[in-house]
Amino acid sequence: MDRMTATPVFRFAPSPNGRLHLGHALSALLNRDFATTLGGRFLLRIEDIDLERCTPAFEQDIYDDLHWLGIDWERPVRRQSEHFDAYRAALQRLVEAELVYPAFATRGEARAFVAEREAQGVKWPRDPDGVPHYPGLDRQLPQSVRAQRIAAGEPFAWRLDMAAAIQAAGGPLDWSEVSGERLQDAETLPADPAAWGDVVLARRDTPTSYHLSVVIDDALQGVTHVVRGRDLQAATAVHRLLQRLLDLPAPVYHHHRLILGPDGRKLSKSQGDTALAALREAGNTPADIRRVIGLA
């Protein structure tokens, strides 16, 4: 069924590693409002693959904040930590297709390699977030050597062999970016996954990454419209590549404006930006929140 004509399915997918802030409120309310306007469904997904930083207490805080905003969602909630097998199966398909490889270099070793090359005058490529591309020091290791190092317990990450993956995709990639009050204004944007280099898809102790789990979850949950912040727009190129490689349907995308702090940067849980709970305790109402984020 054409995803533009199917019953619209929206989702809000926070990570329970801190308190929600105004940026989360904008994303959650937009998804719920679009679902209501278009007669669609609204799902809540808990993206808790980081088992060290994500906690049940923060998950409960998410529920409390959304209830306070007047947002309800379908049950049951999908928790990524309960579906690691689905991500392992997808990763195994890419392993068998020889589109990923175990990368053994540490972040420090990779940074040192890049710094040495840049000191020699090499202009090293960086991804859209400004991070240097992984140098791929172990991309061509023989299978026997890889197996020996894995068996010896060396830490590693599974990285996508970007050049091989793009070749396997078999042609140009793009996505449909929609806008307007009913998300009917669409434009086709080109996807350039090569800009990201050999991205991490999983680690030895965590069988998935954001890139891999988000495309699997959206497909399994039948998500038709991915509404998220503009800070993730460039990453859509990687997601479109994985969807092609894994034969997954492509939703349409809407990347909304960001809520910025007084210093002009986007709000962040890791930076301790004012949480919705603190705004609530200071006497703000849900209507105040809508007004502050421009949804009055």
C-alpha atoms as a PDB file:
ATOM      1  CA  MET A   1       0.000   0.000   0.000  1.00  0.00           C
ATOM      2  CA  ASP A   2       1.244   3.498  -0.804  1.00  0.00           C
ATOM      3  CA  ARG A   3       2.442   5.093   2.399  1.00  0.00           C
ATOM      4  CA  MET A   4       0.919   8.410   1.379  1.00  0.00           C
ATOM      5  CA  THR A   5      -2.564   6.850   1.140  1.00  0.00           C
ATOM      6  CA  ALA A   6      -2.346   4.381   4.056  1.00  0.00           C
ATOM      7  CA  THR A   7      -3.681   5.279   7.494  1.00  0.00           C
ATOM      8  CA  PRO A   8      -1.061   7.721   8.765  1.00  0.00           C
ATOM      9  CA  VAL A   9       1.092   6.424  11.599  1.00  0.00           C
ATOM     10  CA  PHE A  10       3.219   8.851  13.618  1.00  0.00           C
ATOM     11  CA  ARG A  11       5.601   8.191  16.465  1.00  0.00           C
ATOM     12  CA  PHE A  12       7.477  10.053  19.183  1.00  0.00           C
ATOM     13  CA  ALA A  13      10.642   8.197  20.159  1.00  0.00           C
ATOM     14  CA  PRO A  14      12.565   9.686  23.100  1.00  0.00           C
ATOM     15  CA  SER A  15      15.458   8.106  24.976  1.00  0.00           C
ATOM     16  CA  PRO A  16      15.010   7.750  28.742  1.00  0.00           C
ATOM     17  CA  ASN A  17      18.448   9.149  29.579  1.00  0.00           C
ATOM     18  CA  GLY A  18      17.319  12.512  30.975  1.00  0.00           C
ATOM     19  CA  ARG A  19      14.316  14.775  31.438  1.00  0.00           C
ATOM     20  CA  LEU A  20      12.318  16.016  28.429  1.00  0.00           C
ATOM     21  CA  HIS A  21      12.710  19.683  27.480  1.00  0.00           C
ATOM     22  CA  LEU A  22      10.925  22.137  25.192  1.00  0.00           C
ATOM     23  CA  GLY A  23      12.413  20.585  22.062  1.00  0.00           C
ATOM     24  CA  HIS A  24      10.897  17.248  22.969  1.00  0.00           C
ATOM     25  CA  ALA A  25       7.577  18.940  23.678  1.00  0.00           C
ATOM     26  CA  LEU A  26       7.562  20.424  20.170  1.00  0.00           C
ATOM     27  CA  SER A  27       8.292  17.064  18.548  1.00  0.00           C
ATOM     28  CA  ALA A  28       5.760  15.142  20.654  1.00  0.00           C
ATOM     29  CA  LEU A  29       2.993  17.694  20.164  1.00  0.00           C
ATOM     30  CA  LEU A  30       3.612  17.995  16.424  1.00  0.00           C
ATOM     31  CA  ASN A  31       3.394  14.229  15.985  1.00  0.00           C
ATOM     32  CA  ARG A  32       0.225  13.991  18.083  1.00  0.00           C
ATOM     33  CA  ASP A  33      -1.347  17.028  16.380  1.00  0.00           C
ATOM     34  CA  PHE A  34      -0.582  15.706  12.884  1.00  0.00           C
ATOM     35  CA  ALA A  35      -2.004  12.295  13.808  1.00  0.00           C
ATOM     36  CA  THR A  36      -5.189  13.954  15.070  1.00  0.00           C
ATOM     37  CA  THR A  37      -5.539  16.243  12.055  1.00  0.00           C
ATOM     38  CA  LEU A  38      -4.971  13.452   9.528  1.00  0.00           C
ATOM     39  CA  GLY A  39      -7.053  10.820  11.320  1.00  0.00           C
ATOM     40  CA  GLY A  40      -3.998   8.726  12.005  1.00  0.00           C
ATOM     41  CA  ARG A  41      -2.372   6.802  14.846  1.00  0.00           C
ATOM     42  CA  PHE A  42       0.133   8.090  17.397  1.00  0.00           C
ATOM     43  CA  LEU A  43       2.733   5.744  18.875  1.00  0.00           C
ATOM     44  CA  LEU A  44       5.252   6.178  21.672  1.00  0.00           C
ATOM     45  CA  ARG A  45       8.554   4.335  21.364  1.00  0.00           C
ATOM     46  CA  ILE A  46      11.199   4.198  24.078  1.00  0.00           C
ATOM     47  CA  GLU A  47      14.664   4.206  22.517  1.00  0.00           C
ATOM     48  CA  ASP A  48      16.640   2.631  25.347  1.00  0.00           C
ATOM     49  CA  ILE A  49      19.442   0.743  23.602  1.00  0.00           C
ATOM     50  CA  ASP A  50      21.965   2.491  25.879  1.00  0.00           C
ATOM     51  CA  LEU A  51      21.428   0.271  28.908  1.00  0.00           C
ATOM     52  CA  GLU A  52      23.876   2.245  31.053  1.00  0.00           C
ATOM     53  CA  ARG A  53      22.370   5.719  30.646  1.00  0.00           C
ATOM     54  CA  CYS A  54      18.696   4.836  30.183  1.00  0.00           C
ATOM     55  CA  THR A  55      16.752   4.169  33.375  1.00  0.00           C
ATOM     56  CA  PRO A  56      13.199   3.184  34.392  1.00  0.00           C
ATOM     57  CA  ALA A  57      12.964   6.409  36.388  1.00  0.00           C
ATOM     58  CA  PHE A  58      13.597   8.542  33.316  1.00  0.00           C
ATOM     59  CA  GLU A  59      11.121   6.412  31.359  1.00  0.00           C
ATOM     60  CA  GLN A  60       8.444   7.133  33.957  1.00  0.00           C
ATOM     61  CA  ASP A  61       9.335  10.830  33.739  1.00  0.00           C
ATOM     62  CA  ILE A  62       8.586  10.691  30.004  1.00  0.00           C
ATOM     63  CA  TYR A  63       5.140   9.263  30.668  1.00  0.00           C
ATOM     64  CA  ASP A  64       4.472  11.882  33.342  1.00  0.00           C
ATOM     65  CA  ASP A  65       5.554  14.773  31.117  1.00  0.00           C
ATOM     66  CA  LEU A  66       3.489  13.584  28.153  1.00  0.00           C
ATOM     67  CA  HIS A  67       0.407  13.065  30.321  1.00  0.00           C
ATOM     68  CA  TRP A  68       0.823  16.598  31.668  1.00  0.00           C
ATOM     69  CA  LEU A  69       0.979  17.947  28.106  1.00  0.00           C
ATOM     70  CA  GLY A  70      -2.309  16.162  27.372  1.00  0.00           C
ATOM     71  CA  ILE A  71      -0.762  13.546  25.089  1.00  0.00           C
ATOM     72  CA  ASP A  72      -1.952   9.953  24.991  1.00  0.00           C
ATOM     73  CA  TRP A  73      -0.622   7.063  22.898  1.00  0.00           C
ATOM     74  CA  GLU A  74      -1.357   3.528  21.812  1.00  0.00           C
ATOM     75  CA  ARG A  75      -0.362   0.598  24.016  1.00  0.00           C
ATOM     76  CA  PRO A  76       1.821  -1.327  24.344  1.00  0.00           C
ATOM     77  CA  VAL A  77       4.832   0.940  24.151  1.00  0.00           C
ATOM     78  CA  ARG A  78       7.708  -0.483  22.118  1.00  0.00           C
ATOM     79  CA  ARG A  79      10.962  -0.553  24.093  1.00  0.00           C
ATOM     80  CA  GLN A  80      14.022  -1.116  21.950  1.00  0.00           C
ATOM     81  CA  SER A  81      15.783  -3.033  24.727  1.00  0.00           C
ATOM     82  CA  GLU A  82      13.130  -5.751  24.355  1.00  0.00           C
ATOM     83  CA  HIS A  83      13.803  -6.250  20.633  1.00  0.00           C
ATOM     84  CA  PHE A  84      17.557  -6.746  20.325  1.00  0.00           C
ATOM     85  CA  ASP A  85      16.951 -10.000  18.414  1.00  0.00           C
ATOM     86  CA  ALA A  86      15.299  -8.071  15.564  1.00  0.00           C
ATOM     87  CA  TYR A  87      18.317  -5.801  15.261  1.00  0.00           C
ATOM     88  CA  ARG A  88      20.737  -8.740  15.429  1.00  0.00           C
ATOM     89  CA  ALA A  89      18.870 -10.428  12.581  1.00  0.00           C
ATOM     90  CA  ALA A  90      19.085  -7.309  10.416  1.00  0.00           C
ATOM     91  CA  LEU A  91      22.780  -6.899  11.202  1.00  0.00           C
ATOM     92  CA  GLN A  92      23.404 -10.545  10.308  1.00  0.00           C
ATOM     93  CA  ARG A  93      21.894  -9.973   6.867  1.00  0.00           C
ATOM     94  CA  LEU A  94      24.421  -7.199   6.292  1.00  0.00           C
ATOM     95  CA  VAL A  95      27.266  -9.344   7.631  1.00  0.00           C
ATOM     96  CA  GLU A  96      26.362 -12.174   5.267  1.00  0.00           C
ATOM     97  CA  ALA A  97      26.184  -9.711   2.378  1.00  0.00           C
ATOM     98  CA  GLU A  98      29.700  -8.490   3.337  1.00  0.00           C
ATOM     99  CA  LEU A  99      28.451  -4.937   3.730  1.00  0.00           C
ATOM    100  CA  VAL A 100      29.747  -4.467   7.273  1.00  0.00           C
ATOM    101  CA  TYR A 101      33.091  -5.208   8.882  1.00  0.00           C
ATOM    102  CA  PRO A 102      34.446  -5.409  12.449  1.00  0.00           C
ATOM    103  CA  ALA A 103      36.388  -2.232  13.216  1.00  0.00           C
ATOM    104  CA  PHE A 104      38.947  -2.740  15.983  1.00  0.00           C
ATOM    105  CA  ALA A 105      40.561   0.700  16.156  1.00  0.00           C
ATOM    106  CA  THR A 106      39.610   2.697  19.244  1.00  0.00           C
ATOM    107  CA  ARG A 107      38.335   6.260  18.980  1.00  0.00           C
ATOM    108  CA  GLY A 108      41.722   7.449  20.193  1.00  0.00           C
ATOM    109  CA  GLU A 109      43.590   5.424  17.575  1.00  0.00           C
ATOM    110  CA  ALA A 110      41.308   6.693  14.820  1.00  0.00           C
ATOM    111  CA  ARG A 111      41.719  10.311  15.974  1.00  0.00           C
ATOM    112  CA  ALA A 112      45.504   9.916  16.110  1.00  0.00           C
ATOM    113  CA  PHE A 113      45.579   8.473  12.585  1.00  0.00           C
ATOM    114  CA  VAL A 114      43.482  11.344  11.218  1.00  0.00           C
ATOM    115  CA  ALA A 115      45.516  13.956  13.100  1.00  0.00           C
ATOM    116  CA  GLU A 116      48.738  12.567  11.632  1.00  0.00           C
ATOM    117  CA  ARG A 117      47.340  12.687   8.099  1.00  0.00           C
ATOM    118  CA  GLU A 118      46.032  16.215   8.580  1.00  0.00           C
ATOM    119  CA  ALA A 119      49.436  17.288   9.904  1.00  0.00           C
ATOM    120  CA  GLN A 120      50.826  16.029   6.605  1.00  0.00           C
ATOM    121  CA  GLY A 121      48.438  18.293   4.713  1.00  0.00           C
ATOM    122  CA  VAL A 122      45.719  15.750   3.918  1.00  0.00           C
ATOM    123  CA  LYS A 123      42.205  17.250   3.959  1.00  0.00           C
ATOM    124  CA  TRP A 124      40.388  14.528   5.858  1.00  0.00           C
ATOM    125  CA  PRO A 125      36.648  14.154   5.188  1.00  0.00           C
ATOM    126  CA  ARG A 126      34.185  14.924   7.959  1.00  0.00           C
ATOM    127  CA  ASP A 127      30.569  13.934   8.357  1.00  0.00           C
ATOM    128  CA  PRO A 128      27.689  16.456   8.548  1.00  0.00           C
ATOM    129  CA  ASP A 129      28.211  16.664  12.329  1.00  0.00           C
ATOM    130  CA  GLY A 130      31.860  17.608  11.833  1.00  0.00           C
ATOM    131  CA  VAL A 131      33.292  14.268  12.986  1.00  0.00           C
ATOM    132  CA  PRO A 132      36.213  12.884  10.919  1.00  0.00           C
ATOM    133  CA  HIS A 133      35.383   9.800   8.878  1.00  0.00           C
ATOM    134  CA  TYR A 134      36.636   6.534  10.305  1.00  0.00           C
ATOM    135  CA  PRO A 135      39.888   5.724   8.463  1.00  0.00           C
ATOM    136  CA  GLY A 136      38.879   2.127   7.718  1.00  0.00           C
ATOM    137  CA  LEU A 137      42.183   0.717   8.900  1.00  0.00           C
ATOM    138  CA  ASP A 138      40.675  -2.755   9.239  1.00  0.00           C
ATOM    139  CA  ARG A 139      38.268  -2.722   6.295  1.00  0.00           C
ATOM    140  CA  GLN A 140      40.451  -5.084   4.236  1.00  0.00           C
ATOM    141  CA  LEU A 141      41.477  -7.519   6.961  1.00  0.00           C
ATOM    142  CA  PRO A 142      41.210 -11.181   5.894  1.00  0.00           C
ATOM    143  CA  GLN A 143      38.263 -13.052   7.365  1.00  0.00           C
ATOM    144  CA  SER A 144      40.610 -15.378   9.246  1.00  0.00           C
ATOM    145  CA  VAL A 145      42.293 -12.455  10.991  1.00  0.00           C
ATOM    146  CA  ARG A 146      38.953 -10.903  11.868  1.00  0.00           C
ATOM    147  CA  ALA A 147      37.748 -14.184  13.338  1.00  0.00           C
ATOM    148  CA  GLN A 148      40.936 -14.590  15.391  1.00  0.00           C
ATOM    149  CA  ARG A 149      40.710 -11.098  16.856  1.00  0.00           C
ATOM    150  CA  ILE A 150      37.012 -11.480  17.685  1.00  0.00           C
ATOM    151  CA  ALA A 151      37.658 -14.870  19.295  1.00  0.00           C
ATOM    152  CA  ALA A 152      40.453 -13.301  21.342  1.00  0.00           C
ATOM    153  CA  GLY A 153      37.934 -10.902  22.829  1.00  0.00           C
ATOM    154  CA  GLU A 154      39.160  -7.683  21.240  1.00  0.00           C
ATOM    155  CA  PRO A 155      36.551  -4.928  21.441  1.00  0.00           C
ATOM    156  CA  PHE A 156      35.159  -3.864  18.081  1.00  0.00           C
ATOM    157  CA  ALA A 157      32.274  -2.114  16.379  1.00  0.00           C
ATOM    158  CA  TRP A 158      30.389  -3.290  13.313  1.00  0.00           C
ATOM    159  CA  ARG A 159      30.777  -0.527  10.718  1.00  0.00           C
ATOM    160  CA  LEU A 160      28.979  -0.203   7.424  1.00  0.00           C
ATOM    161  CA  ASP A 161      31.338  -0.464   4.459  1.00  0.00           C
ATOM    162  CA  MET A 162      29.861   2.641   2.911  1.00  0.00           C
ATOM    163  CA  ALA A 163      31.369   2.250  -0.559  1.00  0.00           C
ATOM    164  CA  ALA A 164      30.227  -1.370  -0.820  1.00  0.00           C
ATOM    165  CA  ALA A 165      26.788  -0.530   0.594  1.00  0.00           C
ATOM    166  CA  ILE A 166      26.208   2.275  -1.887  1.00  0.00           C
ATOM    167  CA  GLN A 167      27.189  -0.027  -4.733  1.00  0.00           C
ATOM    168  CA  ALA A 168      24.827  -2.718  -3.418  1.00  0.00           C
ATOM    169  CA  ALA A 169      21.999  -0.172  -3.208  1.00  0.00           C
ATOM    170  CA  GLY A 170      22.037  -0.108  -6.984  1.00  0.00           C
ATOM    171  CA  GLY A 171      21.273   3.493  -7.750  1.00  0.00           C
ATOM    172  CA  PRO A 172      20.602   6.996  -6.427  1.00  0.00           C
ATOM    173  CA  LEU A 173      18.759   7.445  -3.146  1.00  0.00           C
ATOM    174  CA  ASP A 174      16.316  10.151  -2.116  1.00  0.00           C
ATOM    175  CA  TRP A 175      13.423  10.770   0.240  1.00  0.00           C
ATOM    176  CA  SER A 176      10.132  12.624   0.303  1.00  0.00           C
ATOM    177  CA  GLU A 177      10.191  15.664   2.613  1.00  0.00           C
ATOM    178  CA  VAL A 178       6.673  16.876   3.400  1.00  0.00           C
ATOM    179  CA  SER A 179       5.437  20.124   4.925  1.00  0.00           C
ATOM    180  CA  GLY A 180       2.300  22.198   5.369  1.00  0.00           C
ATOM    181  CA  GLU A 181      -0.519  21.925   7.887  1.00  0.00           C
ATOM    182  CA  ARG A 182      -1.572  18.542   6.470  1.00  0.00           C
ATOM    183  CA  LEU A 183       1.877  17.427   5.282  1.00  0.00           C
ATOM    184  CA  GLN A 184       0.698  17.462   1.663  1.00  0.00           C
ATOM    185  CA  ASP A 185       3.446  19.668   0.246  1.00  0.00           C
ATOM    186  CA  ALA A 186       6.199  17.266  -0.768  1.00  0.00           C
ATOM    187  CA  GLU A 187       9.612  17.663  -2.343  1.00  0.00           C
ATOM    188  CA  THR A 188      12.151  15.012  -3.247  1.00  0.00           C
ATOM    189  CA  LEU A 189      15.525  15.484  -1.572  1.00  0.00           C
ATOM    190  CA  PRO A 190      18.686  13.638  -2.651  1.00  0.00           C
ATOM    191  CA  ALA A 191      20.299  11.336  -0.103  1.00  0.00           C
ATOM    192  CA  ASP A 192      24.100  11.334   0.195  1.00  0.00           C
ATOM    193  CA  PRO A 193      25.028   8.572   2.668  1.00  0.00           C
ATOM    194  CA  ALA A 194      28.682   8.753   1.592  1.00  0.00           C
ATOM    195  CA  ALA A 195      28.911  12.011   3.530  1.00  0.00           C
ATOM    196  CA  TRP A 196      28.840   9.951   6.733  1.00  0.00           C
ATOM    197  CA  GLY A 197      31.647   7.510   5.982  1.00  0.00           C
ATOM    198  CA  ASP A 198      31.654   4.048   7.548  1.00  0.00           C
ATOM    199  CA  VAL A 199      29.037   4.592  10.263  1.00  0.00           C
ATOM    200  CA  VAL A 200      28.727   2.320  13.299  1.00  0.00           C
ATOM    201  CA  LEU A 201      25.745  -0.058  13.137  1.00  0.00           C
ATOM    202  CA  ALA A 202      26.432  -2.054  16.306  1.00  0.00           C
ATOM    203  CA  ARG A 203      29.026  -2.711  18.983  1.00  0.00           C
ATOM    204  CA  ARG A 204      30.126  -5.936  20.570  1.00  0.00           C
ATOM    205  CA  ASP A 205      28.150  -5.191  23.741  1.00  0.00           C
ATOM    206  CA  THR A 206      25.210  -3.426  22.042  1.00  0.00           C
ATOM    207  CA  PRO A 207      23.697  -5.199  19.000  1.00  0.00           C
ATOM    208  CA  THR A 208      22.436  -2.041  17.330  1.00  0.00           C
ATOM    209  CA  SER A 209      22.890   1.680  16.853  1.00  0.00           C
ATOM    210  CA  TYR A 210      20.405   4.487  16.384  1.00  0.00           C
ATOM    211  CA  HIS A 211      20.714   4.221  12.592  1.00  0.00           C
ATOM    212  CA  LEU A 212      19.932   0.504  12.486  1.00  0.00           C
ATOM    213  CA  SER A 213      17.260   0.330  15.183  1.00  0.00           C
ATOM    214  CA  VAL A 214      15.275   3.323  13.931  1.00  0.00           C
ATOM    215  CA  VAL A 215      14.750   1.915  10.437  1.00  0.00           C
ATOM    216  CA  ILE A 216      13.845  -1.525  11.795  1.00  0.00           C
ATOM    217  CA  ASP A 217      11.393  -0.081  14.322  1.00  0.00           C
ATOM    218  CA  ASP A 218       9.724   2.272  11.857  1.00  0.00           C
ATOM    219  CA  ALA A 219       9.188  -0.604   9.431  1.00  0.00           C
ATOM    220  CA  LEU A 220       7.914  -3.070  12.043  1.00  0.00           C
ATOM    221  CA  GLN A 221       5.551  -0.476  13.528  1.00  0.00           C
ATOM    222  CA  GLY A 222       4.221   0.601  10.134  1.00  0.00           C
ATOM    223  CA  VAL A 223       5.291   4.216  10.631  1.00  0.00           C
ATOM    224  CA  THR A 224       4.294   6.246   7.571  1.00  0.00           C
ATOM    225  CA  HIS A 225       5.419   9.717   8.707  1.00  0.00           C
ATOM    226  CA  VAL A 226       8.673  10.401  10.543  1.00  0.00           C
ATOM    227  CA  VAL A 227       8.390  13.834  12.161  1.00  0.00           C
ATOM    228  CA  ARG A 228      11.616  14.827  13.925  1.00  0.00           C
ATOM    229  CA  GLY A 229      14.049  17.729  14.325  1.00  0.00           C
ATOM    230  CA  ARG A 230      16.169  19.233  11.578  1.00  0.00           C
ATOM    231  CA  ASP A 231      19.287  18.084  13.408  1.00  0.00           C
ATOM    232  CA  LEU A 232      18.491  14.579  12.114  1.00  0.00           C
ATOM    233  CA  GLN A 233      17.752  15.561   8.513  1.00  0.00           C
ATOM    234  CA  ALA A 234      21.220  14.722   7.195  1.00  0.00           C
ATOM    235  CA  ALA A 235      21.095  11.297   8.895  1.00  0.00           C
ATOM    236  CA  THR A 236      18.088  10.419   6.742  1.00  0.00           C
ATOM    237  CA  ALA A 237      20.570   9.600   3.976  1.00  0.00           C
ATOM    238  CA  VAL A 238      21.962   6.712   6.039  1.00  0.00           C
ATOM    239  CA  HIS A 239      18.447   5.555   6.912  1.00  0.00           C
ATOM    240  CA  ARG A 240      17.382   5.518   3.270  1.00  0.00           C
ATOM    241  CA  LEU A 241      20.456   3.437   2.417  1.00  0.00           C
ATOM    242  CA  LEU A 242      19.672   0.892   5.142  1.00  0.00           C
ATOM    243  CA  GLN A 243      16.039   0.736   4.050  1.00  0.00           C
ATOM    244  CA  ARG A 244      17.162  -0.098   0.526  1.00  0.00           C
ATOM    245  CA  LEU A 245      19.670  -2.724   1.680  1.00  0.00           C
ATOM    246  CA  LEU A 246      17.185  -4.412   4.036  1.00  0.00           C
ATOM    247  CA  ASP A 247      14.162  -4.163   1.713  1.00  0.00           C
ATOM    248  CA  LEU A 248      12.255  -1.939   4.138  1.00  0.00           C
ATOM    249  CA  PRO A 249       9.511   0.530   3.185  1.00  0.00           C
ATOM    250  CA  ALA A 250      10.389   4.219   3.196  1.00  0.00           C
ATOM    251  CA  PRO A 251       8.220   6.576   5.250  1.00  0.00           C
ATOM    252  CA  VAL A 252       7.859  10.212   4.338  1.00  0.00           C
ATOM    253  CA  TYR A 253       9.782  12.695   6.462  1.00  0.00           C
ATOM    254  CA  HIS A 254       9.143  16.069   8.022  1.00  0.00           C
ATOM    255  CA  HIS A 255      12.098  17.690   9.782  1.00  0.00           C
ATOM    256  CA  HIS A 256      10.772  20.444  11.989  1.00  0.00           C
ATOM    257  CA  ARG A 257      12.457  23.561  13.319  1.00  0.00           C
ATOM    258  CA  LEU A 258      14.521  23.313  16.477  1.00  0.00           C
ATOM    259  CA  ILE A 259      13.981  25.051  19.789  1.00  0.00           C
ATOM    260  CA  LEU A 260      17.161  26.969  20.552  1.00  0.00           C
ATOM    261  CA  GLY A 261      18.542  28.155  23.850  1.00  0.00           C
ATOM    262  CA  PRO A 262      19.604  31.739  24.645  1.00  0.00           C
ATOM    263  CA  ASP A 263      23.085  30.970  23.289  1.00  0.00           C
ATOM    264  CA  GLY A 264      21.670  29.867  19.925  1.00  0.00           C
ATOM    265  CA  ARG A 265      22.364  26.151  20.272  1.00  0.00           C
ATOM    266  CA  LYS A 266      19.710  23.456  20.231  1.00  0.00           C
ATOM    267  CA  LEU A 267      18.421  22.294  23.588  1.00  0.00           C
ATOM    268  CA  SER A 268      20.070  19.205  25.024  1.00  0.00           C
ATOM    269  CA  LYS A 269      19.472  16.898  27.968  1.00  0.00           C
ATOM    270  CA  SER A 270      23.224  16.405  28.316  1.00  0.00           C
ATOM    271  CA  GLN A 271      23.704  20.159  28.743  1.00  0.00           C
ATOM    272  CA  GLY A 272      21.117  20.303  31.523  1.00  0.00           C
ATOM    273  CA  ASP A 273      18.665  22.519  29.671  1.00  0.00           C
ATOM    274  CA  THR A 274      15.501  23.378  31.556  1.00  0.00           C
ATOM    275  CA  ALA A 275      13.266  20.338  31.800  1.00  0.00           C
ATOM    276  CA  LEU A 276       9.516  20.343  31.324  1.00  0.00           C
ATOM    277  CA  ALA A 277       9.166  19.191  34.928  1.00  0.00           C
ATOM    278  CA  ALA A 278      10.961  22.319  36.147  1.00  0.00           C
ATOM    279  CA  LEU A 279       8.726  24.520  33.996  1.00  0.00           C
ATOM    280  CA  ARG A 280       5.690  22.735  35.389  1.00  0.00           C
ATOM    281  CA  GLU A 281       6.889  23.221  38.965  1.00  0.00           C
ATOM    282  CA  ALA A 282       7.441  26.914  38.221  1.00  0.00           C
ATOM    283  CA  GLY A 283       3.729  27.275  37.480  1.00  0.00           C
ATOM    284  CA  ASN A 284       3.628  26.938  33.689  1.00  0.00           C
ATOM    285  CA  THR A 285       0.618  25.247  32.094  1.00  0.00           C
ATOM    286  CA  PRO A 286       0.469  23.034  28.990  1.00  0.00           C
ATOM    287  CA  ALA A 287      -1.031  26.025  27.163  1.00  0.00           C
ATOM    288  CA  ASP A 288       2.022  28.072  28.189  1.00  0.00           C
ATOM    289  CA  ILE A 289       4.297  25.406  26.740  1.00  0.00           C
ATOM    290  CA  ARG A 290       2.413  25.395  23.435  1.00  0.00           C
ATOM    291  CA  ARG A 291       2.696  29.164  23.250  1.00  0.00           C
ATOM    292  CA  VAL A 292       6.424  29.190  24.056  1.00  0.00           C
ATOM    293  CA  ILE A 293       7.206  26.645  21.332  1.00  0.00           C
ATOM    294  CA  GLY A 294       4.996  28.394  18.778  1.00  0.00           C
ATOM    295  CA  LEU A 295       2.021  26.038  18.711  1.00  0.00           C
ATOM    296  CA  ALA A 296      -0.545  28.349  20.328  1.00  0.00           C
END
